[in-house]
Every structure is written in C-alpha cells, then in structure tokens.
Amino acid sequence: MPLNSRFLIILLISGLAACDSGKEVRAVGTAAPAQELTNNGAETSTESSRDFSSLPSPYNEADYALGRRTFKFCGSCHTLKEGGPDLVGPNLFGIIGREAGSRPGFNYSTALQEASFRWTPEKLEEWLNNPRTFLPGNNMTFSGVHRQDARHAVIAYVMHETGYGPESETTATP
C-alpha cells in the first residue's frame, strides 16, 4: 500500500475515533438544553426546574428555554443581574414597576425621559411587539419580538431573572 494511502487510512481512523467522545452531537440550529455544573462537576439539566407559576397569566405558562434563547437578542444591549452594568441599553434588574426612563445614570432618549408610565408585563409586551411604534423617538434599534409565544417567554424570563414579585408592579423605585 502506498504511503499516501496508509496516511489517509490512519487519518480517517483517528478522526472516527475522536468522534466517539461520548458527547451528544446536534444538528446545526438545534438548541441544546441548558446545563449547569453540580458541585462534583456533573452536568444537570435546568430547563424544567424553572418555575413561572408565581407569575401572572399568560407568563406563568411560558417556556423558560424559549425565553432564555429569545433574551440572547436582548443580551447584547441589556444585562439582568442586580448591580449589573448598563450597556447600550439599561440594566433591567427590577424593571417591573420602574418608571420608564428613570434608571439613574443611564442616558435615555428624550422619548423615554418624557414617557409617563411604569413598566408592567403588559407594557413590556407592547414595547417588545414593536418598540418604534410603541414609543416613537426612542433609540432602541431592535425591531421587536413578533411571535407572541416568544414575547411571553422572554418577558417571563426577564421577570424571573430580575427579582420580580407581585409587589414589584406597585412598589418599584428607580
């Protein structure tokens, strides 16, 4: 057998052996379940452990995995963690109940500075459907979340990840 053929066979066998790493292979474009590491380093699925039952309807029936995936579009401009930084958009921790355009230190558009409403899940629903038509003159370049199930899911995800409680809608401060 010529040297080039032997080399190709060895390369092919090595490649096939490397493919059997014990990890699941997914088709491009399919979402993997969220994974977390336990104390001993083992992976555990967390998708089903997210409980939205305390959220108001219809957000209490939303899909956590869809909300998390949808928020990836938002995450390039917004953070969710308490004390997290503002990016292109403001940090969203505690947004439910907050007066629009009131996060201290963030440079809001004139439209948001002059808005006179508090953020509720319903206001977020209208905003995310089409930010430009909801509040003309705002600086958000995102075109919106047009699928209702994805809007419900991302709102539930934001509520869950930002400390929402039913009292948030009436007691939040900037």
N, C-alpha and C. Protein backbone atom coordinates (compact mmCIF):
# COMPACT_ATOMS: atom_id res chain seq x y z
N MET A 1 0.86 -1.17 0.00
CA MET A 1 0.00 0.00 0.00
C MET A 1 0.91 1.24 0.00
N PRO A 2 0.66 2.19 -0.88
CA PRO A 2 1.50 3.38 -0.92
C PRO A 2 1.38 4.18 0.38
N LEU A 3 2.39 4.97 0.66
CA LEU A 3 2.48 5.76 1.89
C LEU A 3 1.30 6.73 2.02
N ASN A 4 0.89 7.38 0.94
CA ASN A 4 -0.24 8.32 0.98
C ASN A 4 -1.53 7.61 1.38
N SER A 5 -1.76 6.41 0.89
CA SER A 5 -2.97 5.67 1.24
C SER A 5 -2.97 5.28 2.71
N ARG A 6 -1.82 4.84 3.22
CA ARG A 6 -1.71 4.49 4.65
C ARG A 6 -1.98 5.71 5.52
N PHE A 7 -1.43 6.84 5.12
CA PHE A 7 -1.63 8.07 5.87
C PHE A 7 -3.12 8.44 5.91
N LEU A 8 -3.81 8.34 4.78
CA LEU A 8 -5.23 8.65 4.72
C LEU A 8 -6.05 7.70 5.58
N ILE A 9 -5.71 6.43 5.59
CA ILE A 9 -6.44 5.46 6.41
C ILE A 9 -6.23 5.77 7.89
N ILE A 10 -5.00 6.05 8.28
CA ILE A 10 -4.72 6.38 9.69
C ILE A 10 -5.46 7.65 10.08
N LEU A 11 -5.45 8.64 9.21
CA LEU A 11 -6.14 9.89 9.48
C LEU A 11 -7.65 9.66 9.62
N LEU A 12 -8.22 8.84 8.74
CA LEU A 12 -9.65 8.54 8.79
C LEU A 12 -10.01 7.81 10.08
N ILE A 13 -9.23 6.82 10.47
CA ILE A 13 -9.49 6.06 11.70
C ILE A 13 -9.36 6.97 12.92
N SER A 14 -8.35 7.82 12.93
CA SER A 14 -8.17 8.75 14.05
C SER A 14 -9.36 9.70 14.16
N GLY A 15 -9.81 10.18 13.03
CA GLY A 15 -10.96 11.09 13.03
C GLY A 15 -12.21 10.42 13.53
N LEU A 16 -12.46 9.19 13.13
CA LEU A 16 -13.64 8.45 13.59
C LEU A 16 -13.55 8.16 15.09
N ALA A 17 -12.36 7.82 15.55
CA ALA A 17 -12.18 7.55 16.98
C ALA A 17 -12.45 8.81 17.80
N ALA A 18 -12.02 9.95 17.29
CA ALA A 18 -12.23 11.21 18.00
C ALA A 18 -13.71 11.58 18.06
N CYS A 19 -14.47 11.15 17.08
CA CYS A 19 -15.90 11.46 17.06
C CYS A 19 -16.65 10.76 18.17
N ASP A 20 -16.14 9.66 18.68
CA ASP A 20 -16.82 8.92 19.74
C ASP A 20 -16.37 9.44 21.10
N SER A 21 -16.65 10.72 21.36
CA SER A 21 -16.22 11.34 22.61
C SER A 21 -17.22 11.14 23.72
N GLY A 22 -18.36 10.52 23.43
CA GLY A 22 -19.39 10.34 24.44
C GLY A 22 -20.31 11.54 24.56
N LYS A 23 -20.06 12.59 23.82
CA LYS A 23 -20.90 13.78 23.86
C LYS A 23 -21.98 13.67 22.80
N GLU A 24 -23.13 14.25 23.09
CA GLU A 24 -24.24 14.24 22.15
C GLU A 24 -23.91 15.17 20.99
N VAL A 25 -24.18 14.72 19.78
CA VAL A 25 -23.98 15.54 18.60
C VAL A 25 -25.33 16.07 18.16
N ARG A 26 -25.42 17.37 17.88
CA ARG A 26 -26.68 18.00 17.50
C ARG A 26 -26.56 18.57 16.10
N ALA A 27 -27.69 18.60 15.43
CA ALA A 27 -27.74 19.23 14.12
C ALA A 27 -27.56 20.73 14.29
N VAL A 28 -26.99 21.37 13.31
CA VAL A 28 -26.81 22.81 13.35
C VAL A 28 -28.18 23.46 13.46
N GLY A 29 -28.30 24.45 14.36
CA GLY A 29 -29.56 25.17 14.51
C GLY A 29 -30.49 24.59 15.55
N THR A 30 -30.13 23.44 16.15
CA THR A 30 -30.99 22.91 17.21
C THR A 30 -30.44 23.34 18.54
N ALA A 31 -31.31 23.65 19.45
CA ALA A 31 -30.90 24.16 20.74
C ALA A 31 -30.59 23.02 21.70
N ALA A 32 -29.52 23.17 22.43
CA ALA A 32 -29.18 22.22 23.48
C ALA A 32 -29.89 22.65 24.75
N PRO A 33 -30.25 21.71 25.62
CA PRO A 33 -30.86 22.11 26.88
C PRO A 33 -29.83 22.84 27.73
N ALA A 34 -30.32 23.77 28.56
CA ALA A 34 -29.40 24.48 29.43
C ALA A 34 -28.76 23.49 30.39
N GLN A 35 -27.52 23.69 30.69
CA GLN A 35 -26.81 22.79 31.57
C GLN A 35 -26.16 23.60 32.69
N GLU A 36 -26.09 23.04 33.86
CA GLU A 36 -25.36 23.63 34.96
C GLU A 36 -24.46 22.55 35.53
N LEU A 37 -23.38 22.97 36.17
CA LEU A 37 -22.50 22.01 36.81
C LEU A 37 -22.89 21.87 38.26
N THR A 38 -22.95 20.64 38.74
CA THR A 38 -23.20 20.41 40.15
C THR A 38 -21.88 20.55 40.88
N ASN A 39 -21.89 20.41 42.20
CA ASN A 39 -20.67 20.55 42.99
C ASN A 39 -19.58 19.60 42.56
N ASN A 40 -19.94 18.42 42.08
CA ASN A 40 -18.91 17.47 41.68
C ASN A 40 -18.56 17.58 40.20
N GLY A 41 -19.07 18.60 39.50
CA GLY A 41 -18.72 18.83 38.11
C GLY A 41 -19.63 18.14 37.11
N ALA A 42 -20.60 17.38 37.57
CA ALA A 42 -21.50 16.69 36.65
C ALA A 42 -22.52 17.69 36.10
N GLU A 43 -22.94 17.50 34.86
CA GLU A 43 -23.93 18.38 34.27
C GLU A 43 -25.33 17.93 34.63
N THR A 44 -26.21 18.90 34.89
CA THR A 44 -27.61 18.60 35.14
C THR A 44 -28.46 19.56 34.33
N SER A 45 -29.58 19.09 33.83
CA SER A 45 -30.46 19.95 33.05
C SER A 45 -31.24 20.84 33.99
N THR A 46 -31.39 22.14 33.63
CA THR A 46 -32.11 23.08 34.47
C THR A 46 -33.35 23.63 33.79
N GLU A 47 -33.59 23.26 32.55
CA GLU A 47 -34.72 23.83 31.82
C GLU A 47 -36.04 23.58 32.53
N SER A 48 -36.26 22.39 33.03
CA SER A 48 -37.55 22.09 33.63
C SER A 48 -37.64 22.56 35.07
N SER A 49 -36.54 23.02 35.66
CA SER A 49 -36.58 23.42 37.06
C SER A 49 -37.00 24.88 37.23
N ARG A 50 -37.18 25.61 36.15
CA ARG A 50 -37.60 26.99 36.25
C ARG A 50 -39.11 27.04 36.40
N ASP A 51 -39.55 27.65 37.47
CA ASP A 51 -40.97 27.67 37.78
C ASP A 51 -41.52 29.08 37.61
N PHE A 52 -42.38 29.26 36.66
CA PHE A 52 -43.02 30.54 36.41
C PHE A 52 -44.41 30.62 37.03
N SER A 53 -44.78 29.64 37.86
CA SER A 53 -46.16 29.57 38.36
C SER A 53 -46.56 30.79 39.19
N SER A 54 -45.60 31.51 39.76
CA SER A 54 -45.94 32.69 40.56
C SER A 54 -46.14 33.93 39.70
N LEU A 55 -45.86 33.83 38.41
CA LEU A 55 -46.03 34.99 37.52
C LEU A 55 -47.48 35.11 37.10
N PRO A 56 -47.90 36.32 36.74
CA PRO A 56 -49.29 36.48 36.27
C PRO A 56 -49.47 35.80 34.91
N SER A 57 -50.71 35.48 34.60
CA SER A 57 -51.05 34.88 33.32
C SER A 57 -50.87 35.94 32.23
N PRO A 58 -50.40 35.61 31.08
CA PRO A 58 -50.06 34.32 30.49
C PRO A 58 -48.60 33.92 30.71
N TYR A 59 -47.85 34.71 31.46
CA TYR A 59 -46.41 34.48 31.62
C TYR A 59 -46.12 33.26 32.48
N ASN A 60 -47.08 32.86 33.31
CA ASN A 60 -46.89 31.70 34.17
C ASN A 60 -46.86 30.39 33.37
N GLU A 61 -47.27 30.43 32.13
CA GLU A 61 -47.24 29.23 31.29
C GLU A 61 -46.18 29.30 30.21
N ALA A 62 -45.30 30.28 30.30
CA ALA A 62 -44.28 30.48 29.27
C ALA A 62 -43.19 29.41 29.34
N ASP A 63 -42.47 29.29 28.27
CA ASP A 63 -41.39 28.31 28.12
C ASP A 63 -40.06 28.96 28.48
N TYR A 64 -39.44 28.49 29.58
CA TYR A 64 -38.18 29.07 30.05
C TYR A 64 -37.10 29.01 28.97
N ALA A 65 -36.96 27.87 28.33
CA ALA A 65 -35.91 27.71 27.32
C ALA A 65 -36.10 28.71 26.17
N LEU A 66 -37.33 28.90 25.74
CA LEU A 66 -37.60 29.86 24.67
C LEU A 66 -37.30 31.28 25.15
N GLY A 67 -37.66 31.60 26.37
CA GLY A 67 -37.36 32.92 26.92
C GLY A 67 -35.87 33.18 27.00
N ARG A 68 -35.15 32.19 27.44
CA ARG A 68 -33.68 32.33 27.54
C ARG A 68 -33.06 32.51 26.16
N ARG A 69 -33.50 31.72 25.20
CA ARG A 69 -32.97 31.86 23.83
C ARG A 69 -33.33 33.22 23.23
N THR A 70 -34.56 33.65 23.45
CA THR A 70 -35.01 34.93 22.90
C THR A 70 -34.24 36.08 23.54
N PHE A 71 -33.94 35.97 24.84
CA PHE A 71 -33.21 37.04 25.51
C PHE A 71 -31.80 37.22 24.95
N LYS A 72 -31.27 36.23 24.29
CA LYS A 72 -29.94 36.38 23.70
C LYS A 72 -29.91 37.56 22.72
N PHE A 73 -31.03 37.85 22.07
CA PHE A 73 -31.10 39.03 21.21
C PHE A 73 -31.00 40.30 22.06
N CYS A 74 -31.57 40.28 23.24
CA CYS A 74 -31.58 41.44 24.12
C CYS A 74 -30.25 41.61 24.86
N GLY A 75 -29.60 40.47 25.12
CA GLY A 75 -28.40 40.46 25.95
C GLY A 75 -27.21 41.18 25.36
N SER A 76 -27.25 41.50 24.08
CA SER A 76 -26.14 42.27 23.52
C SER A 76 -26.22 43.73 23.96
N CYS A 77 -27.38 44.17 24.44
CA CYS A 77 -27.56 45.56 24.87
C CYS A 77 -27.97 45.71 26.33
N HIS A 78 -28.49 44.64 26.94
CA HIS A 78 -29.01 44.72 28.31
C HIS A 78 -28.44 43.63 29.19
N THR A 79 -28.29 43.93 30.49
CA THR A 79 -27.94 42.92 31.49
C THR A 79 -29.12 42.77 32.44
N LEU A 80 -29.13 41.64 33.18
CA LEU A 80 -30.24 41.34 34.06
C LEU A 80 -29.87 41.28 35.54
N LYS A 81 -28.63 41.07 35.85
CA LYS A 81 -28.22 40.85 37.24
C LYS A 81 -28.29 42.13 38.07
N GLU A 82 -28.68 41.98 39.33
CA GLU A 82 -28.71 43.12 40.23
C GLU A 82 -27.32 43.75 40.31
N GLY A 83 -27.25 45.04 40.13
CA GLY A 83 -25.97 45.74 40.14
C GLY A 83 -25.18 45.60 38.85
N GLY A 84 -25.77 44.93 37.86
CA GLY A 84 -25.09 44.74 36.59
C GLY A 84 -24.93 46.06 35.85
N PRO A 85 -24.02 46.07 34.89
CA PRO A 85 -23.75 47.32 34.17
C PRO A 85 -24.83 47.65 33.14
N ASP A 86 -24.89 48.92 32.81
CA ASP A 86 -25.66 49.34 31.65
C ASP A 86 -24.75 49.09 30.45
N LEU A 87 -25.35 48.71 29.35
CA LEU A 87 -24.60 48.54 28.11
C LEU A 87 -25.13 49.60 27.15
N VAL A 88 -25.46 49.24 25.94
CA VAL A 88 -26.11 50.17 25.03
C VAL A 88 -27.49 50.53 25.59
N GLY A 89 -28.13 49.55 26.23
CA GLY A 89 -29.40 49.76 26.91
C GLY A 89 -29.19 49.63 28.41
N PRO A 90 -30.16 50.02 29.21
CA PRO A 90 -30.01 49.96 30.66
C PRO A 90 -30.08 48.53 31.21
N ASN A 91 -29.50 48.34 32.38
CA ASN A 91 -29.65 47.09 33.12
C ASN A 91 -31.14 46.95 33.44
N LEU A 92 -31.66 45.74 33.34
CA LEU A 92 -33.11 45.53 33.50
C LEU A 92 -33.51 44.98 34.86
N PHE A 93 -32.57 44.84 35.80
CA PHE A 93 -32.95 44.30 37.10
C PHE A 93 -33.98 45.23 37.74
N GLY A 94 -35.10 44.67 38.17
CA GLY A 94 -36.16 45.44 38.82
C GLY A 94 -36.96 46.31 37.87
N ILE A 95 -36.98 45.96 36.59
CA ILE A 95 -37.69 46.81 35.62
C ILE A 95 -39.19 46.86 35.86
N ILE A 96 -39.79 45.76 36.29
CA ILE A 96 -41.25 45.76 36.50
C ILE A 96 -41.57 46.69 37.67
N GLY A 97 -42.39 47.68 37.40
CA GLY A 97 -42.76 48.68 38.39
C GLY A 97 -41.92 49.94 38.32
N ARG A 98 -40.84 49.91 37.56
CA ARG A 98 -39.97 51.08 37.43
C ARG A 98 -40.59 52.09 36.47
N GLU A 99 -40.48 53.35 36.79
CA GLU A 99 -40.91 54.42 35.90
C GLU A 99 -40.04 54.38 34.65
N ALA A 100 -40.67 54.45 33.48
CA ALA A 100 -39.92 54.43 32.22
C ALA A 100 -38.91 55.57 32.19
N GLY A 101 -37.71 55.28 31.70
CA GLY A 101 -36.68 56.30 31.55
C GLY A 101 -36.09 56.81 32.84
N SER A 102 -36.13 55.99 33.91
CA SER A 102 -35.72 56.52 35.21
C SER A 102 -34.51 55.83 35.84
N ARG A 103 -33.87 54.91 35.18
CA ARG A 103 -32.70 54.26 35.80
C ARG A 103 -31.59 55.29 35.96
N PRO A 104 -31.15 55.50 37.19
CA PRO A 104 -30.12 56.51 37.45
C PRO A 104 -28.84 56.25 36.65
N GLY A 105 -28.32 57.31 36.06
CA GLY A 105 -27.06 57.22 35.35
C GLY A 105 -27.15 56.77 33.90
N PHE A 106 -28.33 56.34 33.45
CA PHE A 106 -28.44 55.91 32.05
C PHE A 106 -28.93 57.08 31.20
N ASN A 107 -28.35 57.24 30.03
CA ASN A 107 -28.69 58.33 29.12
C ASN A 107 -29.83 57.89 28.19
N TYR A 108 -31.06 58.11 28.61
CA TYR A 108 -32.23 57.71 27.84
C TYR A 108 -32.52 58.72 26.73
N SER A 109 -33.24 58.25 25.71
CA SER A 109 -33.73 59.15 24.67
C SER A 109 -34.73 60.11 25.30
N THR A 110 -34.95 61.22 24.64
CA THR A 110 -35.94 62.19 25.11
C THR A 110 -37.32 61.54 25.22
N ALA A 111 -37.65 60.67 24.27
CA ALA A 111 -38.95 59.99 24.29
C ALA A 111 -39.13 59.21 25.59
N LEU A 112 -38.12 58.48 26.01
CA LEU A 112 -38.25 57.71 27.25
C LEU A 112 -38.16 58.61 28.48
N GLN A 113 -37.37 59.66 28.42
CA GLN A 113 -37.30 60.58 29.56
C GLN A 113 -38.64 61.25 29.80
N GLU A 114 -39.38 61.51 28.72
CA GLU A 114 -40.67 62.19 28.84
C GLU A 114 -41.86 61.23 28.96
N ALA A 115 -41.61 59.93 28.86
CA ALA A 115 -42.69 58.94 28.98
C ALA A 115 -43.25 58.98 30.40
N SER A 116 -44.53 58.75 30.50
CA SER A 116 -45.15 58.80 31.83
C SER A 116 -45.91 57.51 32.12
N PHE A 117 -45.15 56.44 32.25
CA PHE A 117 -45.75 55.16 32.62
C PHE A 117 -44.73 54.34 33.37
N ARG A 118 -45.24 53.35 34.08
CA ARG A 118 -44.38 52.37 34.76
C ARG A 118 -44.36 51.11 33.92
N TRP A 119 -43.22 50.43 33.93
CA TRP A 119 -43.11 49.16 33.20
C TRP A 119 -43.90 48.08 33.91
N THR A 120 -44.80 47.47 33.19
CA THR A 120 -45.56 46.32 33.65
C THR A 120 -45.32 45.22 32.61
N PRO A 121 -45.68 43.99 32.90
CA PRO A 121 -45.56 42.95 31.87
C PRO A 121 -46.33 43.33 30.60
N GLU A 122 -47.48 43.96 30.77
CA GLU A 122 -48.29 44.34 29.61
C GLU A 122 -47.61 45.44 28.79
N LYS A 123 -46.98 46.40 29.47
CA LYS A 123 -46.24 47.46 28.75
C LYS A 123 -45.04 46.86 28.03
N LEU A 124 -44.34 45.92 28.68
CA LEU A 124 -43.23 45.25 28.00
C LEU A 124 -43.72 44.49 26.78
N GLU A 125 -44.89 43.90 26.88
CA GLU A 125 -45.48 43.17 25.76
C GLU A 125 -45.69 44.12 24.57
N GLU A 126 -46.27 45.28 24.83
CA GLU A 126 -46.48 46.26 23.77
C GLU A 126 -45.14 46.75 23.20
N TRP A 127 -44.20 47.05 24.09
CA TRP A 127 -42.88 47.54 23.69
C TRP A 127 -42.17 46.51 22.82
N LEU A 128 -42.13 45.28 23.28
CA LEU A 128 -41.39 44.26 22.55
C LEU A 128 -42.06 43.87 21.24
N ASN A 129 -43.34 44.08 21.11
CA ASN A 129 -44.00 43.80 19.85
C ASN A 129 -43.44 44.70 18.75
N ASN A 130 -43.24 45.98 19.06
CA ASN A 130 -42.65 46.92 18.11
C ASN A 130 -42.25 48.19 18.85
N PRO A 131 -40.99 48.25 19.30
CA PRO A 131 -40.55 49.41 20.10
C PRO A 131 -40.73 50.75 19.39
N ARG A 132 -40.56 50.80 18.09
CA ARG A 132 -40.66 52.05 17.33
C ARG A 132 -42.07 52.63 17.34
N THR A 133 -43.07 51.77 17.16
CA THR A 133 -44.45 52.28 17.13
C THR A 133 -45.00 52.46 18.55
N PHE A 134 -44.50 51.70 19.51
CA PHE A 134 -44.98 51.84 20.88
C PHE A 134 -44.60 53.21 21.44
N LEU A 135 -43.35 53.63 21.20
CA LEU A 135 -42.88 54.91 21.71
C LEU A 135 -41.99 55.56 20.65
N PRO A 136 -42.61 56.26 19.71
CA PRO A 136 -41.82 56.90 18.65
C PRO A 136 -40.75 57.83 19.24
N GLY A 137 -39.58 57.80 18.63
CA GLY A 137 -38.49 58.66 19.07
C GLY A 137 -37.53 58.00 20.04
N ASN A 138 -37.80 56.74 20.43
CA ASN A 138 -36.85 56.07 21.32
C ASN A 138 -35.64 55.63 20.50
N ASN A 139 -34.54 55.33 21.16
CA ASN A 139 -33.29 54.99 20.48
C ASN A 139 -33.09 53.50 20.26
N MET A 140 -34.03 52.67 20.66
CA MET A 140 -33.84 51.23 20.53
C MET A 140 -33.94 50.83 19.07
N THR A 141 -32.88 50.16 18.58
CA THR A 141 -32.85 49.78 17.17
C THR A 141 -33.44 48.40 16.91
N PHE A 142 -33.75 47.67 17.95
CA PHE A 142 -34.32 46.33 17.82
C PHE A 142 -35.72 46.41 17.23
N SER A 143 -36.00 45.55 16.26
CA SER A 143 -37.30 45.62 15.57
C SER A 143 -38.44 44.98 16.35
N GLY A 144 -38.15 44.20 17.36
CA GLY A 144 -39.20 43.62 18.17
C GLY A 144 -39.23 42.10 18.14
N VAL A 145 -40.03 41.53 19.02
CA VAL A 145 -40.26 40.09 19.09
C VAL A 145 -41.68 39.90 18.58
N HIS A 146 -41.81 39.39 17.38
CA HIS A 146 -43.11 39.37 16.73
C HIS A 146 -43.97 38.16 17.08
N ARG A 147 -43.34 37.06 17.48
CA ARG A 147 -44.12 35.87 17.87
C ARG A 147 -44.60 36.04 19.31
N GLN A 148 -45.88 35.91 19.52
CA GLN A 148 -46.46 36.11 20.85
C GLN A 148 -45.87 35.15 21.88
N ASP A 149 -45.70 33.87 21.52
CA ASP A 149 -45.16 32.92 22.49
C ASP A 149 -43.73 33.29 22.90
N ALA A 150 -42.95 33.82 21.97
CA ALA A 150 -41.59 34.24 22.28
C ALA A 150 -41.60 35.49 23.15
N ARG A 151 -42.54 36.42 22.90
CA ARG A 151 -42.67 37.61 23.76
C ARG A 151 -43.04 37.21 25.17
N HIS A 152 -44.03 36.33 25.30
CA HIS A 152 -44.43 35.88 26.64
C HIS A 152 -43.25 35.22 27.34
N ALA A 153 -42.52 34.39 26.61
CA ALA A 153 -41.40 33.66 27.20
C ALA A 153 -40.28 34.60 27.63
N VAL A 154 -39.94 35.58 26.80
CA VAL A 154 -38.83 36.47 27.18
C VAL A 154 -39.25 37.38 28.33
N ILE A 155 -40.50 37.80 28.37
CA ILE A 155 -40.97 38.61 29.49
C ILE A 155 -40.94 37.79 30.77
N ALA A 156 -41.41 36.54 30.71
CA ALA A 156 -41.36 35.66 31.89
C ALA A 156 -39.91 35.46 32.33
N TYR A 157 -39.03 35.26 31.37
CA TYR A 157 -37.60 35.07 31.67
C TYR A 157 -37.03 36.31 32.37
N VAL A 158 -37.33 37.48 31.83
CA VAL A 158 -36.84 38.73 32.43
C VAL A 158 -37.42 38.90 33.83
N MET A 159 -38.70 38.64 33.99
CA MET A 159 -39.32 38.76 35.31
C MET A 159 -38.64 37.81 36.30
N HIS A 160 -38.44 36.58 35.88
CA HIS A 160 -37.82 35.56 36.73
C HIS A 160 -36.40 35.94 37.11
N GLU A 161 -35.64 36.43 36.16
CA GLU A 161 -34.21 36.70 36.37
C GLU A 161 -33.93 38.05 37.02
N THR A 162 -34.95 38.91 37.16
CA THR A 162 -34.71 40.26 37.69
C THR A 162 -35.43 40.55 39.00
N GLY A 163 -35.77 39.52 39.72
CA GLY A 163 -36.32 39.73 41.05
C GLY A 163 -37.79 40.12 41.10
N TYR A 164 -38.56 39.76 40.09
CA TYR A 164 -39.98 40.12 40.08
C TYR A 164 -40.72 39.44 41.22
N GLY A 165 -41.58 40.20 41.85
CA GLY A 165 -42.57 39.72 42.78
C GLY A 165 -43.83 40.51 42.52
N PRO A 166 -45.01 39.99 42.83
CA PRO A 166 -46.25 40.72 42.54
C PRO A 166 -46.24 42.15 43.07
N GLU A 167 -45.55 42.39 44.17
CA GLU A 167 -45.48 43.74 44.71
C GLU A 167 -44.61 44.66 43.87
N SER A 168 -43.79 44.11 42.97
CA SER A 168 -42.90 44.90 42.14
C SER A 168 -43.65 45.93 41.29
N GLU A 169 -44.81 45.56 40.84
CA GLU A 169 -45.55 46.44 39.92
C GLU A 169 -46.02 47.71 40.57
N THR A 170 -46.11 47.73 41.90
CA THR A 170 -46.62 48.93 42.56
C THR A 170 -45.60 49.60 43.47
N THR A 171 -44.50 48.90 43.78
CA THR A 171 -43.58 49.48 44.76
C THR A 171 -42.18 49.76 44.24
N ALA A 172 -41.92 49.51 42.98
CA ALA A 172 -40.55 49.70 42.47
C ALA A 172 -40.19 51.17 42.47
N THR A 173 -38.91 51.39 42.67
CA THR A 173 -38.37 52.75 42.60
C THR A 173 -37.27 52.77 41.55
N PRO A 174 -36.88 53.94 41.07
CA PRO A 174 -35.85 53.99 40.03
C PRO A 174 -34.58 53.43 40.52
